[in-house]
Amino acid sequence: MLVSATEMLKKAVEGHYAVGQFNINNLEWTKAILLTAEENKSPVILGVSEGAGKYMTGFKTVSAMVEAMIESLNITVPVALHLDHGSYEGCYQCVKAGFSSIMFDGSHFPIEENVEKTTELVHVAHNLGLSIEAEVGSIGGEEDGVVGAGEIADPDECKRIADLGVDFLAAGIGNIHGKYPENWKGLDFDALAKIKALVGDLPLVLHGGTGIPEEMIQKAISLGVAKINVNTECQLYFQEATRKYIEEGKDLQGKGFDPRKLLAPGFEGIKTIVKEKMELFGSVGKA
């Protein structure tokens, strides 16, 4: 059964670890992440961007697939199905589709409009028992059509959004989507510390978890980050494993072209990186 992410992230803050949000793109992604979470007794958040939702023929399809998979695979750990970087309209679509958690990304709006729309969606989500994430400042780079300039969040604006009753907050602190460039300056821990001081125990979210050095991940967790998003790294592991399988000609051996065989190495690649991240984040055994 799907649950909201509220309780799992409260426990993460108290236990000084983070729960991974791993974005799903198809059946293989979903199955690999769920099985890895169960094997490692870790709570997990399945992230779905609006682009991925459309690719999978709609949020209703995604919700039905995840619900059925949890049942058929006998998944016992807490699982939240979460809209990633949702628009105002997308949030309502996911509420209707049966998601257990939503993110409204109003970071590109003026702060007053962000406050207004977030206030409305907090009310809607909480009336239905769903968790809700909001964003202040923008995450750099591009993910599924969502482009951010990488602005550092204003701590006072973070406090305004936090006071609306959101369950967790994404704040831009120099993190970006996709691969980090060689000249990346790193995370702004001074900004993170100021935000933490103003929002208290509200769980903070670190988007763009791919490629951030381990010591930065650990320091971010120590400063209140309780949810870390990973997408690009799963894609890279899947791509590399699939490429190796084809380059070695295994797709031409016997029935190696069968998609169940062709996609199997990538499936295992996702399981490998998800386990590594769960160990790094400290969520193993916390379900």
Protein backbone atom coordinates (compact mmCIF):
# COMPACT_ATOMS: atom_id res chain seq x y z
CA MET A 1 0.00 0.00 0.00
CA LEU A 2 1.21 3.47 -0.83
CA VAL A 3 1.83 5.91 2.03
CA SER A 4 2.54 9.61 2.20
CA ALA A 5 6.17 10.56 2.67
CA THR A 6 5.51 12.63 5.80
CA GLU A 7 6.19 10.01 8.45
CA MET A 8 9.19 8.43 6.74
CA LEU A 9 10.88 11.83 6.43
CA LYS A 10 10.11 12.82 10.02
CA LYS A 11 11.84 9.62 11.10
CA ALA A 12 14.75 10.43 8.78
CA VAL A 13 15.24 13.85 10.41
CA GLU A 14 15.14 12.29 13.87
CA GLY A 15 17.51 9.50 12.85
CA HIS A 16 19.92 11.75 10.91
CA TYR A 17 19.64 9.90 7.61
CA ALA A 18 17.91 10.54 4.29
CA VAL A 19 15.36 8.67 2.19
CA GLY A 20 16.09 8.37 -1.50
CA GLN A 21 13.66 9.48 -4.17
CA PHE A 22 14.42 7.44 -7.26
CA ASN A 23 12.62 8.52 -10.41
CA ILE A 24 10.83 5.85 -12.41
CA ASN A 25 10.53 5.77 -16.18
CA ASN A 26 9.02 2.37 -16.95
CA LEU A 27 8.26 -1.09 -15.52
CA GLU A 28 11.93 -2.09 -15.20
CA TRP A 29 12.80 1.05 -13.23
CA THR A 30 9.87 0.58 -10.86
CA LYS A 31 10.44 -3.13 -10.26
CA ALA A 32 14.19 -2.68 -9.69
CA ILE A 33 13.72 0.12 -7.15
CA LEU A 34 10.93 -1.61 -5.24
CA LEU A 35 12.83 -4.89 -4.99
CA THR A 36 15.99 -3.11 -3.84
CA ALA A 37 14.05 -1.22 -1.18
CA GLU A 38 12.51 -4.46 0.09
CA GLU A 39 15.82 -6.34 0.08
CA ASN A 40 17.47 -3.55 2.07
CA LYS A 41 14.48 -2.82 4.30
CA SER A 42 14.58 0.82 3.29
CA PRO A 43 11.68 3.25 2.90
CA VAL A 44 11.60 4.63 -0.63
CA ILE A 45 10.01 7.39 -2.68
CA LEU A 46 9.20 6.77 -6.33
CA GLY A 47 9.47 10.05 -8.21
CA VAL A 48 7.52 10.70 -11.40
CA SER A 49 8.14 13.79 -13.51
CA GLU A 50 5.33 15.08 -15.68
CA GLY A 51 7.30 14.05 -18.76
CA ALA A 52 7.75 10.50 -17.48
CA GLY A 53 4.10 10.35 -16.52
CA LYS A 54 3.10 11.30 -20.05
CA TYR A 55 5.56 8.77 -21.49
CA MET A 56 3.95 6.01 -19.40
CA THR A 57 0.52 7.04 -20.85
CA GLY A 58 -0.62 9.04 -17.85
CA PHE A 59 -0.53 9.27 -14.08
CA LYS A 60 -3.42 6.81 -13.69
CA THR A 61 -1.38 4.15 -15.49
CA VAL A 62 1.62 4.86 -13.26
CA SER A 63 -0.42 4.70 -10.07
CA ALA A 64 -2.14 1.47 -11.08
CA MET A 65 1.20 -0.13 -12.05
CA VAL A 66 2.88 0.81 -8.78
CA GLU A 67 -0.05 -0.32 -6.63
CA ALA A 68 -0.25 -3.67 -8.44
CA MET A 69 3.51 -4.17 -8.28
CA ILE A 70 3.63 -3.52 -4.54
CA GLU A 71 1.02 -6.23 -4.08
CA SER A 72 2.44 -8.78 -6.52
CA LEU A 73 6.03 -8.39 -5.27
CA ASN A 74 4.94 -8.48 -1.60
CA ILE A 75 6.61 -5.16 -0.85
CA THR A 76 6.35 -4.45 2.88
CA VAL A 77 8.51 -1.33 3.23
CA PRO A 78 6.93 2.16 3.13
CA VAL A 79 6.56 3.39 -0.47
CA ALA A 80 5.46 6.88 -1.51
CA LEU A 81 4.48 7.69 -5.09
CA HIS A 82 5.49 11.31 -5.59
CA LEU A 83 5.05 13.87 -8.36
CA ASP A 84 8.41 15.48 -9.11
CA HIS A 85 8.56 19.20 -10.06
CA GLY A 86 4.83 19.34 -10.53
CA SER A 87 2.93 22.16 -12.13
CA TYR A 88 -0.27 23.46 -10.54
CA GLU A 89 -2.36 21.43 -13.00
CA GLY A 90 -0.12 18.39 -12.68
CA CYS A 91 -0.63 18.31 -8.91
CA TYR A 92 -4.38 18.03 -9.33
CA GLN A 93 -3.96 15.30 -11.95
CA CYS A 94 -1.82 13.24 -9.57
CA VAL A 95 -4.22 13.75 -6.69
CA LYS A 96 -7.00 12.32 -8.86
CA ALA A 97 -4.76 9.51 -10.14
CA GLY A 98 -4.04 8.14 -6.66
CA PHE A 99 -0.54 9.41 -5.92
CA SER A 100 0.32 9.52 -2.22
CA SER A 101 2.53 12.60 -2.44
CA ILE A 102 2.94 15.65 -4.67
CA MET A 103 5.48 18.37 -5.29
CA PHE A 104 4.40 21.80 -6.40
CA ASP A 105 7.31 23.62 -7.98
CA GLY A 106 6.36 27.26 -7.77
CA SER A 107 9.97 28.44 -7.66
CA HIS A 108 9.68 30.16 -11.04
CA PHE A 109 6.76 32.31 -9.84
CA PRO A 110 7.08 35.53 -7.83
CA ILE A 111 7.09 34.60 -4.14
CA GLU A 112 3.53 35.88 -3.57
CA GLU A 113 2.17 33.61 -6.31
CA ASN A 114 4.24 30.70 -5.01
CA VAL A 115 2.74 31.28 -1.56
CA GLU A 116 -0.81 31.55 -2.90
CA LYS A 117 -0.72 28.37 -4.98
CA THR A 118 1.22 26.39 -2.36
CA THR A 119 -1.32 27.38 0.31
CA GLU A 120 -4.16 26.03 -1.80
CA LEU A 121 -2.38 22.77 -2.63
CA VAL A 122 -1.32 22.17 0.99
CA HIS A 123 -5.00 22.34 1.95
CA VAL A 124 -6.00 19.93 -0.84
CA ALA A 125 -3.20 17.45 -0.10
CA HIS A 126 -3.69 17.35 3.64
CA ASN A 127 -7.45 16.93 3.36
CA LEU A 128 -6.72 13.72 1.43
CA GLY A 129 -3.85 12.51 3.62
CA LEU A 130 -1.18 13.22 1.01
CA SER A 131 2.23 14.76 1.64
CA ILE A 132 3.35 17.83 -0.25
CA GLU A 133 6.75 19.27 -1.17
CA ALA A 134 7.35 22.86 -2.25
CA GLU A 135 10.37 24.60 -3.75
CA VAL A 136 12.16 27.90 -3.19
CA GLY A 137 15.05 29.01 -5.33
CA SER A 138 15.63 26.97 -8.46
CA ILE A 139 17.56 23.79 -9.12
CA GLY A 140 20.08 24.32 -11.89
CA GLY A 141 20.13 22.40 -15.15
CA GLU A 142 17.29 20.67 -16.95
CA GLU A 143 15.18 17.63 -16.13
CA ASP A 144 12.36 16.48 -18.38
CA GLY A 145 11.76 19.98 -19.72
CA VAL A 146 11.96 21.71 -16.32
CA VAL A 147 14.82 24.22 -16.59
CA GLY A 148 16.28 26.04 -13.59
CA ALA A 149 18.84 28.79 -13.36
CA GLY A 150 20.35 27.41 -10.18
CA GLU A 151 19.41 30.28 -7.87
CA ILE A 152 20.29 30.05 -4.18
CA ALA A 153 17.10 30.05 -2.12
CA ASP A 154 16.34 33.06 0.07
CA PRO A 155 16.13 31.76 3.68
CA ASP A 156 13.30 34.17 4.54
CA GLU A 157 11.28 32.95 1.55
CA CYS A 158 11.94 29.38 2.68
CA LYS A 159 10.51 30.30 6.09
CA ARG A 160 7.39 31.76 4.45
CA ILE A 161 6.76 28.59 2.45
CA ALA A 162 7.58 26.35 5.42
CA ASP A 163 5.03 28.17 7.55
CA LEU A 164 2.29 27.23 5.08
CA GLY A 165 2.41 23.67 6.39
CA VAL A 166 4.31 21.89 3.63
CA ASP A 167 5.68 18.50 4.67
CA PHE A 168 9.14 18.96 3.14
CA LEU A 169 10.92 21.72 1.30
CA ALA A 170 13.30 21.80 -1.67
CA ALA A 171 15.67 24.75 -1.49
CA GLY A 172 18.20 25.61 -4.16
CA ILE A 173 21.70 25.58 -2.66
CA GLY A 174 23.81 25.30 -5.81
CA ASN A 175 22.63 21.80 -6.74
CA ILE A 176 21.75 20.98 -10.36
CA HIS A 177 19.98 18.31 -12.37
CA GLY A 178 22.03 16.03 -14.60
CA LYS A 179 25.80 15.69 -14.59
CA TYR A 180 27.76 18.26 -12.59
CA PRO A 181 30.28 20.28 -14.64
CA GLU A 182 33.97 20.24 -13.74
CA ASN A 183 33.83 23.88 -12.63
CA TRP A 184 30.89 23.30 -10.24
CA LYS A 185 31.40 25.31 -7.05
CA GLY A 186 29.73 22.78 -4.77
CA LEU A 187 26.79 23.05 -2.39
CA ASP A 188 26.29 26.28 -0.47
CA PHE A 189 26.30 24.99 3.10
CA ASP A 190 26.10 28.49 4.57
CA ALA A 191 22.77 28.99 2.82
CA LEU A 192 21.61 25.52 3.92
CA ALA A 193 22.53 26.26 7.55
CA LYS A 194 20.60 29.56 7.48
CA ILE A 195 17.56 27.83 5.99
CA LYS A 196 17.76 25.05 8.58
CA ALA A 197 17.92 27.60 11.40
CA LEU A 198 14.67 29.21 10.20
CA VAL A 199 12.61 26.12 9.31
CA GLY A 200 13.59 23.94 12.29
CA ASP A 201 12.88 20.22 11.93
CA LEU A 202 11.08 20.53 8.60
CA PRO A 203 12.67 17.91 6.30
CA LEU A 204 14.72 19.50 3.52
CA VAL A 205 15.13 18.05 0.03
CA LEU A 206 18.28 17.87 -2.07
CA HIS A 207 17.48 17.61 -5.77
CA GLY A 208 20.19 16.66 -8.25
CA GLY A 209 21.68 13.91 -6.10
CA THR A 210 23.69 12.41 -8.96
CA GLY A 211 27.41 13.10 -8.74
CA ILE A 212 27.51 15.01 -5.46
CA PRO A 213 30.59 13.86 -3.49
CA GLU A 214 29.86 11.58 -0.54
CA GLU A 215 31.24 14.01 2.02
CA MET A 216 28.87 16.72 0.75
CA ILE A 217 25.94 14.30 0.96
CA GLN A 218 26.81 13.50 4.57
CA LYS A 219 27.18 17.16 5.51
CA ALA A 220 23.86 18.02 3.84
CA ILE A 221 22.15 15.29 5.86
CA SER A 222 23.71 16.68 9.06
CA LEU A 223 22.15 20.06 8.19
CA GLY A 224 18.60 18.74 7.82
CA VAL A 225 18.39 17.18 4.36
CA ALA A 226 16.12 14.13 4.72
CA LYS A 227 15.20 13.41 1.08
CA ILE A 228 17.69 13.11 -1.77
CA ASN A 229 16.60 12.77 -5.39
CA VAL A 230 18.41 10.49 -7.83
CA ASN A 231 17.51 10.08 -11.50
CA THR A 232 20.43 10.68 -13.87
CA GLU A 233 22.65 8.12 -12.15
CA CYS A 234 20.06 5.37 -12.64
CA GLN A 235 19.80 6.34 -16.30
CA LEU A 236 23.58 6.19 -16.71
CA TYR A 237 23.88 2.78 -15.05
CA PHE A 238 21.02 1.44 -17.18
CA GLN A 239 22.57 2.84 -20.35
CA GLU A 240 26.05 1.55 -19.62
CA ALA A 241 24.90 -1.98 -18.80
CA THR A 242 22.67 -2.13 -21.88
CA ARG A 243 25.45 -0.80 -24.11
CA LYS A 244 27.90 -3.42 -22.82
CA TYR A 245 25.38 -6.22 -23.46
CA ILE A 246 24.89 -5.13 -27.07
CA GLU A 247 28.55 -4.35 -27.78
CA GLU A 248 29.47 -7.84 -26.60
CA GLY A 249 26.96 -9.23 -29.08
CA LYS A 250 24.88 -10.95 -26.45
CA ASP A 251 21.70 -9.70 -28.10
CA LEU A 252 22.60 -11.87 -31.10
CA GLN A 253 23.28 -15.02 -29.11
CA GLY A 254 20.33 -17.40 -28.93
CA LYS A 255 17.30 -15.34 -28.00
CA GLY A 256 19.32 -12.55 -26.48
CA PHE A 257 17.20 -10.09 -28.43
CA ASP A 258 14.21 -10.93 -26.20
CA PRO A 259 13.52 -7.62 -24.39
CA ARG A 260 13.36 -9.45 -21.07
CA LYS A 261 16.98 -10.49 -21.65
CA LEU A 262 18.04 -7.31 -23.40
CA LEU A 263 16.88 -5.11 -20.52
CA ALA A 264 18.03 -7.42 -17.72
CA PRO A 265 21.58 -5.98 -17.37
CA GLY A 266 20.20 -2.45 -17.13
CA PHE A 267 17.68 -3.64 -14.55
CA GLU A 268 20.52 -5.05 -12.44
CA GLY A 269 22.47 -1.83 -12.95
CA ILE A 270 19.64 0.18 -11.43
CA LYS A 271 19.48 -2.18 -8.46
CA THR A 272 23.22 -1.74 -7.92
CA ILE A 273 23.17 2.06 -7.83
CA VAL A 274 19.96 2.26 -5.77
CA LYS A 275 21.50 -0.01 -3.12
CA GLU A 276 24.67 2.11 -3.08
CA LYS A 277 22.63 5.26 -2.59
CA MET A 278 20.51 3.75 0.18
CA GLU A 279 23.68 2.76 2.01
CA LEU A 280 25.17 6.23 1.52
CA PHE A 281 21.98 7.97 2.66
CA GLY A 282 21.73 5.72 5.73
CA SER A 283 18.20 4.43 5.06
CA VAL A 284 19.07 0.70 4.98
CA GLY A 285 17.23 -1.14 7.76
CA LYS A 286 15.08 1.88 8.58
CA ALA A 287 11.77 0.56 7.18
